[in-house]
Protein backbone atom coordinates (compact mmCIF):
# COMPACT_ATOMS: atom_id res chain seq x y z
CA MET A 1 28.75 8.21 -5.51
CA ARG A 2 30.65 9.48 -9.08
CA LEU A 3 33.01 7.70 -11.34
CA ARG A 4 35.66 10.61 -10.59
CA THR A 5 35.28 10.16 -6.95
CA TRP A 6 35.74 6.60 -6.51
CA LEU A 7 38.95 7.16 -8.56
CA PHE A 8 40.62 9.62 -6.87
CA LEU A 9 39.48 8.03 -3.86
CA GLY A 10 41.30 4.50 -5.49
CA PHE A 11 44.43 6.73 -6.23
CA THR A 12 44.97 8.60 -3.08
CA ILE A 13 44.18 6.00 -0.40
CA VAL A 14 45.21 2.38 -1.96
CA PRO A 15 48.51 3.74 -1.91
CA ILE A 16 48.66 5.06 1.50
CA ILE A 17 47.88 1.74 2.13
CA GLU A 18 50.60 -0.10 -0.20
CA ILE A 19 52.86 2.88 2.29
CA LEU A 20 52.02 1.94 5.58
CA LEU A 21 52.26 -1.49 4.78
CA PHE A 22 54.91 -2.04 3.23
CA ALA A 23 56.43 -0.17 6.18
CA TRP A 24 54.99 -2.65 9.06
CA ILE A 25 55.27 -5.34 6.76
CA GLY A 26 59.23 -4.64 6.41
CA SER A 27 59.52 -3.64 10.35
CA THR A 28 57.96 -6.91 10.71
CA ILE A 29 60.12 -8.95 8.18
CA GLY A 30 62.52 -7.49 7.32
CA ILE A 31 62.94 -5.16 4.22
CA TRP A 32 65.13 -8.20 1.98
CA PRO A 33 62.45 -11.03 2.53
CA THR A 34 59.42 -7.96 1.80
CA ILE A 35 61.43 -7.05 -1.47
CA ALA A 36 61.37 -10.61 -2.03
CA MET A 37 57.95 -11.11 -1.27
CA VAL A 38 57.07 -9.07 -3.83
CA VAL A 39 59.14 -10.36 -6.85
CA VAL A 40 57.69 -13.81 -5.64
CA THR A 41 53.89 -12.10 -6.18
CA ALA A 42 54.84 -11.12 -9.53
CA VAL A 43 56.86 -13.84 -10.66
CA VAL A 44 53.99 -16.58 -9.88
CA GLY A 45 50.60 -14.24 -10.87
CA SER A 46 52.05 -14.11 -14.09
CA ILE A 47 52.66 -17.19 -14.43
CA LEU A 48 49.42 -17.55 -12.99
CA VAL A 49 47.69 -14.85 -15.62
CA SER A 50 49.32 -16.47 -18.06
CA ARG A 51 47.92 -20.15 -17.67
CA GLN A 52 44.30 -18.36 -16.72
CA GLY A 53 44.34 -16.01 -19.96
CA ARG A 54 45.12 -19.16 -22.18
CA ALA A 55 42.30 -21.04 -20.89
CA THR A 56 39.73 -18.35 -21.59
CA TRP A 57 40.99 -17.86 -24.63
CA LEU A 58 40.28 -21.32 -25.60
CA GLN A 59 37.17 -21.01 -23.63
CA PHE A 60 36.73 -17.54 -25.65
CA ARG A 61 37.20 -19.53 -28.52
CA ARG A 62 34.99 -22.62 -27.64
CA GLU A 63 32.22 -21.09 -27.81
CA LEU A 64 32.24 -18.49 -30.89
CA ALA A 65 32.62 -22.11 -32.41
CA ASP A 66 29.22 -23.37 -31.11
CA GLY A 67 27.57 -20.20 -32.07
CA GLY A 68 27.10 -18.72 -28.75
CA MET A 69 27.46 -15.60 -27.68
CA PRO A 70 31.41 -15.46 -25.34
CA THR A 71 30.43 -12.62 -22.57
CA GLY A 72 31.61 -15.26 -19.83
CA PRO A 73 34.94 -15.35 -21.84
CA ILE A 74 35.09 -11.62 -22.26
CA VAL A 75 34.59 -10.80 -19.05
CA HIS A 76 36.60 -13.58 -16.67
CA GLY A 77 39.65 -12.17 -20.00
CA ALA A 78 39.19 -8.58 -18.77
CA MET A 79 39.63 -9.68 -15.23
CA ILE A 80 42.55 -12.10 -15.52
CA LEU A 81 43.86 -9.04 -17.16
CA ILE A 82 43.15 -6.65 -14.77
CA ALA A 83 44.69 -9.74 -11.97
CA GLY A 84 47.52 -9.23 -13.79
CA ALA A 85 47.78 -5.75 -13.88
CA LEU A 86 47.61 -5.33 -10.53
CA LEU A 87 50.16 -8.71 -9.48
CA LEU A 88 52.51 -6.35 -11.37
CA THR A 89 51.95 -3.23 -9.01
CA PRO A 90 54.04 -3.59 -6.09
CA GLY A 91 52.25 -3.96 -3.47
CA PHE A 92 50.64 -5.97 -0.95
CA LEU A 93 47.15 -4.65 -1.30
CA THR A 94 47.21 -4.99 -4.95
CA ASP A 95 48.72 -8.66 -4.99
CA ALA A 96 45.74 -9.24 -2.49
CA VAL A 97 42.92 -7.72 -4.67
CA GLY A 98 44.62 -9.37 -7.54
CA ILE A 99 45.27 -13.17 -6.94
CA GLY A 100 41.09 -12.87 -6.30
CA LEU A 101 40.60 -12.16 -9.50
CA LEU A 102 42.20 -14.80 -10.34
CA VAL A 103 39.98 -17.97 -8.55
CA PRO A 104 37.81 -18.19 -10.61
CA ALA A 105 34.63 -18.24 -8.05
CA VAL A 106 35.55 -14.86 -7.44
CA ARG A 107 35.09 -13.94 -11.08
CA GLU A 108 32.46 -15.80 -11.98
CA GLY A 109 30.70 -13.70 -8.37
CA LEU A 110 31.68 -10.43 -10.02
CA ARG A 111 30.25 -10.89 -13.04
CA ARG A 112 26.79 -11.96 -11.89
CA TRP A 113 27.27 -9.22 -9.31
CA GLY A 114 28.06 -7.13 -12.58
CA THR A 115 25.08 -8.31 -15.04
CA ASP A 116 22.32 -8.03 -12.14
CA ARG A 117 22.78 -5.15 -11.15
CA LEU A 118 23.02 -4.06 -14.94
CA GLN A 119 20.35 -5.97 -15.71
CA SER A 120 17.88 -2.60 -14.83
CA ARG A 121 20.03 0.04 -17.07
CA TRP A 122 20.45 -1.96 -19.46
CA ILE A 123 19.64 -5.49 -21.59
CA VAL A 124 22.31 -7.28 -20.66
CA ILE A 125 23.01 -11.36 -23.03
CA LYS A 126 23.66 -13.52 -20.02
């Protein structure tokens, strides 16, 4: 599928899923606990993004100082940035994906999957 198609589907399906999740969770636990959950995930997510972002920045600088190519920290940093944006976006689906991207093993798995996938098309520096 083309990127344009994926983006269209993402921008139409994700909001519908988020609205359905808000309605379902709100009717199950109430409106105020639902709003509190969204606010708490945004606050906790921003703290975690800040900590992991600093750690990734230090790893980036360390690899540069050692004369290496810091491709891993660059990719991890991009995923942490995306995780932060998803966690600040109100919604339960985006929060779940954002929290998933904050797990280092998930990020590394995605990085390896992307590297393996792109190696057939381009020269990839690991």
